[in-house]
Amino acid sequence: MSDVSFADRLAFGRECDVTLAGLTTLGAAIYAGSRMLQLRNDNWQNKEPLPMGVLYLTVVPADI
């Protein structure tokens, strides 16, 4: 369960939309990808894997 409230998630999403729209207006192309993974470390006392989501975001000129 996330520590972030749904209201905060919504606010973050709206802020991202504004930023990405601004980049697009400036002639950028935005590419994104995501993946879920299990983070592990042999040195942890608790050997339980930590579920984690990773977002990859690339911004490049749209005309290439």
N, C-alpha and C. Protein backbone atom coordinates (compact mmCIF):
# COMPACT_ATOMS: atom_id res chain seq x y z
N MET A 1 0.84 -1.18 0.00
CA MET A 1 0.00 0.00 0.00
C MET A 1 0.89 1.24 0.00
N SER A 2 0.53 2.19 -0.79
CA SER A 2 1.33 3.41 -0.94
C SER A 2 1.10 4.37 0.23
N ASP A 3 2.13 5.14 0.54
CA ASP A 3 2.02 6.18 1.57
C ASP A 3 1.49 7.49 0.99
N VAL A 4 1.29 7.53 -0.30
CA VAL A 4 0.86 8.75 -0.97
C VAL A 4 -0.66 8.72 -1.15
N SER A 5 -1.30 9.80 -0.77
CA SER A 5 -2.77 9.86 -0.88
C SER A 5 -3.20 9.96 -2.35
N PHE A 6 -4.43 9.59 -2.61
CA PHE A 6 -4.95 9.68 -3.97
C PHE A 6 -5.00 11.13 -4.44
N ALA A 7 -5.30 12.06 -3.54
CA ALA A 7 -5.32 13.48 -3.90
C ALA A 7 -3.92 13.94 -4.33
N ASP A 8 -2.90 13.49 -3.62
CA ASP A 8 -1.53 13.85 -3.99
C ASP A 8 -1.14 13.21 -5.32
N ARG A 9 -1.58 11.98 -5.56
CA ARG A 9 -1.30 11.32 -6.84
C ARG A 9 -1.96 12.08 -7.98
N LEU A 10 -3.19 12.51 -7.78
CA LEU A 10 -3.90 13.26 -8.80
C LEU A 10 -3.20 14.59 -9.07
N ALA A 11 -2.79 15.28 -8.03
CA ALA A 11 -2.09 16.56 -8.19
C ALA A 11 -0.78 16.35 -8.95
N PHE A 12 -0.05 15.29 -8.63
CA PHE A 12 1.20 15.00 -9.32
C PHE A 12 0.94 14.70 -10.79
N GLY A 13 -0.09 13.92 -11.07
CA GLY A 13 -0.44 13.60 -12.45
C GLY A 13 -0.78 14.84 -13.26
N ARG A 14 -1.54 15.74 -12.66
CA ARG A 14 -1.90 16.99 -13.35
C ARG A 14 -0.67 17.84 -13.62
N GLU A 15 0.22 17.90 -12.65
CA GLU A 15 1.46 18.66 -12.81
C GLU A 15 2.32 18.07 -13.93
N CYS A 16 2.39 16.75 -14.00
CA CYS A 16 3.12 16.08 -15.08
C CYS A 16 2.50 16.39 -16.43
N ASP A 17 1.17 16.37 -16.51
CA ASP A 17 0.49 16.68 -17.77
C ASP A 17 0.85 18.07 -18.27
N VAL A 18 0.88 19.05 -17.37
CA VAL A 18 1.22 20.42 -17.74
C VAL A 18 2.66 20.48 -18.25
N THR A 19 3.57 19.83 -17.55
CA THR A 19 4.98 19.83 -17.94
C THR A 19 5.18 19.16 -19.30
N LEU A 20 4.57 17.99 -19.50
CA LEU A 20 4.72 17.26 -20.75
C LEU A 20 4.08 18.02 -21.91
N ALA A 21 2.95 18.66 -21.68
CA ALA A 21 2.31 19.47 -22.73
C ALA A 21 3.21 20.64 -23.12
N GLY A 22 3.85 21.25 -22.13
CA GLY A 22 4.78 22.34 -22.42
C GLY A 22 5.96 21.88 -23.25
N LEU A 23 6.50 20.72 -22.93
CA LEU A 23 7.62 20.17 -23.70
C LEU A 23 7.20 19.86 -25.14
N THR A 24 6.00 19.33 -25.31
CA THR A 24 5.49 19.03 -26.64
C THR A 24 5.32 20.30 -27.45
N THR A 25 4.82 21.35 -26.81
CA THR A 25 4.66 22.64 -27.47
C THR A 25 6.00 23.20 -27.94
N LEU A 26 7.05 22.91 -27.19
CA LEU A 26 8.39 23.37 -27.55
C LEU A 26 9.06 22.49 -28.60
N GLY A 27 8.36 21.48 -29.09
CA GLY A 27 8.90 20.65 -30.15
C GLY A 27 9.59 19.38 -29.69
N ALA A 28 9.25 18.91 -28.53
CA ALA A 28 9.87 17.69 -28.00
C ALA A 28 8.94 16.49 -28.20
N ALA A 29 9.56 15.33 -28.32
CA ALA A 29 8.83 14.06 -28.33
C ALA A 29 9.15 13.35 -27.02
N ILE A 30 8.15 12.80 -26.38
CA ILE A 30 8.33 12.17 -25.08
C ILE A 30 8.01 10.69 -25.20
N TYR A 31 8.94 9.88 -24.74
CA TYR A 31 8.77 8.42 -24.75
C TYR A 31 8.87 7.93 -23.32
N ALA A 32 8.00 7.00 -22.97
CA ALA A 32 7.99 6.48 -21.59
C ALA A 32 7.81 4.98 -21.61
N GLY A 33 8.33 4.36 -20.58
CA GLY A 33 8.16 2.93 -20.37
C GLY A 33 8.20 2.66 -18.88
N SER A 34 7.62 1.57 -18.48
CA SER A 34 7.64 1.24 -17.05
C SER A 34 7.82 -0.26 -16.88
N ARG A 35 8.27 -0.63 -15.70
CA ARG A 35 8.38 -2.05 -15.37
C ARG A 35 8.29 -2.21 -13.87
N MET A 36 7.81 -3.35 -13.46
CA MET A 36 7.74 -3.70 -12.05
C MET A 36 8.90 -4.64 -11.75
N LEU A 37 9.49 -4.51 -10.57
CA LEU A 37 10.60 -5.38 -10.21
C LEU A 37 10.58 -5.66 -8.72
N GLN A 38 11.40 -6.58 -8.31
CA GLN A 38 11.56 -6.95 -6.90
C GLN A 38 13.00 -6.61 -6.50
N LEU A 39 13.16 -5.64 -5.63
CA LEU A 39 14.48 -5.22 -5.18
C LEU A 39 14.93 -6.13 -4.04
N ARG A 40 16.15 -6.67 -4.17
CA ARG A 40 16.68 -7.58 -3.15
C ARG A 40 18.11 -7.20 -2.81
N ASN A 41 18.53 -7.56 -1.58
CA ASN A 41 19.92 -7.35 -1.17
C ASN A 41 20.29 -8.44 -0.19
N ASP A 42 21.40 -9.12 -0.44
CA ASP A 42 21.84 -10.22 0.43
C ASP A 42 22.19 -9.75 1.84
N ASN A 43 22.49 -8.47 2.01
CA ASN A 43 22.90 -7.95 3.32
C ASN A 43 21.75 -7.48 4.20
N TRP A 44 20.53 -7.50 3.68
CA TRP A 44 19.38 -7.08 4.46
C TRP A 44 19.06 -8.13 5.52
N GLN A 45 18.69 -7.68 6.71
CA GLN A 45 18.26 -8.63 7.74
C GLN A 45 16.98 -9.32 7.31
N ASN A 46 16.03 -8.52 6.85
CA ASN A 46 14.77 -9.06 6.33
C ASN A 46 15.00 -9.34 4.85
N LYS A 47 15.00 -10.58 4.46
CA LYS A 47 15.31 -10.96 3.07
C LYS A 47 14.12 -10.82 2.12
N GLU A 48 13.02 -10.29 2.62
CA GLU A 48 11.83 -10.10 1.77
C GLU A 48 12.15 -9.13 0.64
N PRO A 49 11.80 -9.47 -0.60
CA PRO A 49 12.02 -8.53 -1.71
C PRO A 49 11.07 -7.34 -1.58
N LEU A 50 11.56 -6.20 -2.02
CA LEU A 50 10.80 -4.96 -1.97
C LEU A 50 10.21 -4.70 -3.35
N PRO A 51 8.88 -4.76 -3.50
CA PRO A 51 8.29 -4.48 -4.81
C PRO A 51 8.49 -3.01 -5.19
N MET A 52 8.82 -2.78 -6.44
CA MET A 52 9.13 -1.42 -6.87
C MET A 52 8.72 -1.24 -8.32
N GLY A 53 8.20 -0.08 -8.62
CA GLY A 53 7.90 0.28 -10.01
C GLY A 53 8.92 1.29 -10.49
N VAL A 54 9.39 1.12 -11.72
CA VAL A 54 10.38 2.02 -12.30
C VAL A 54 9.78 2.64 -13.57
N LEU A 55 9.91 3.94 -13.69
CA LEU A 55 9.43 4.66 -14.86
C LEU A 55 10.64 5.22 -15.60
N TYR A 56 10.71 4.94 -16.88
CA TYR A 56 11.75 5.49 -17.75
C TYR A 56 11.11 6.56 -18.61
N LEU A 57 11.75 7.72 -18.69
CA LEU A 57 11.21 8.83 -19.47
C LEU A 57 12.35 9.42 -20.28
N THR A 58 12.12 9.56 -21.59
CA THR A 58 13.11 10.15 -22.48
C THR A 58 12.44 11.29 -23.24
N VAL A 59 13.13 12.43 -23.30
CA VAL A 59 12.63 13.58 -24.03
C VAL A 59 13.67 13.92 -25.10
N VAL A 60 13.23 13.96 -26.36
CA VAL A 60 14.12 14.23 -27.48
C VAL A 60 13.45 15.24 -28.42
N PRO A 61 14.23 15.88 -29.29
CA PRO A 61 13.61 16.75 -30.29
C PRO A 61 12.67 15.94 -31.17
N ALA A 62 11.51 16.47 -31.49
CA ALA A 62 10.50 15.74 -32.26
C ALA A 62 10.89 15.57 -33.71
N ASP A 63 11.82 16.36 -34.21
CA ASP A 63 12.14 16.32 -35.63
C ASP A 63 13.28 15.37 -35.99
N ILE A 64 13.72 14.52 -35.06
CA ILE A 64 14.79 13.58 -35.43
C ILE A 64 14.23 12.23 -35.81
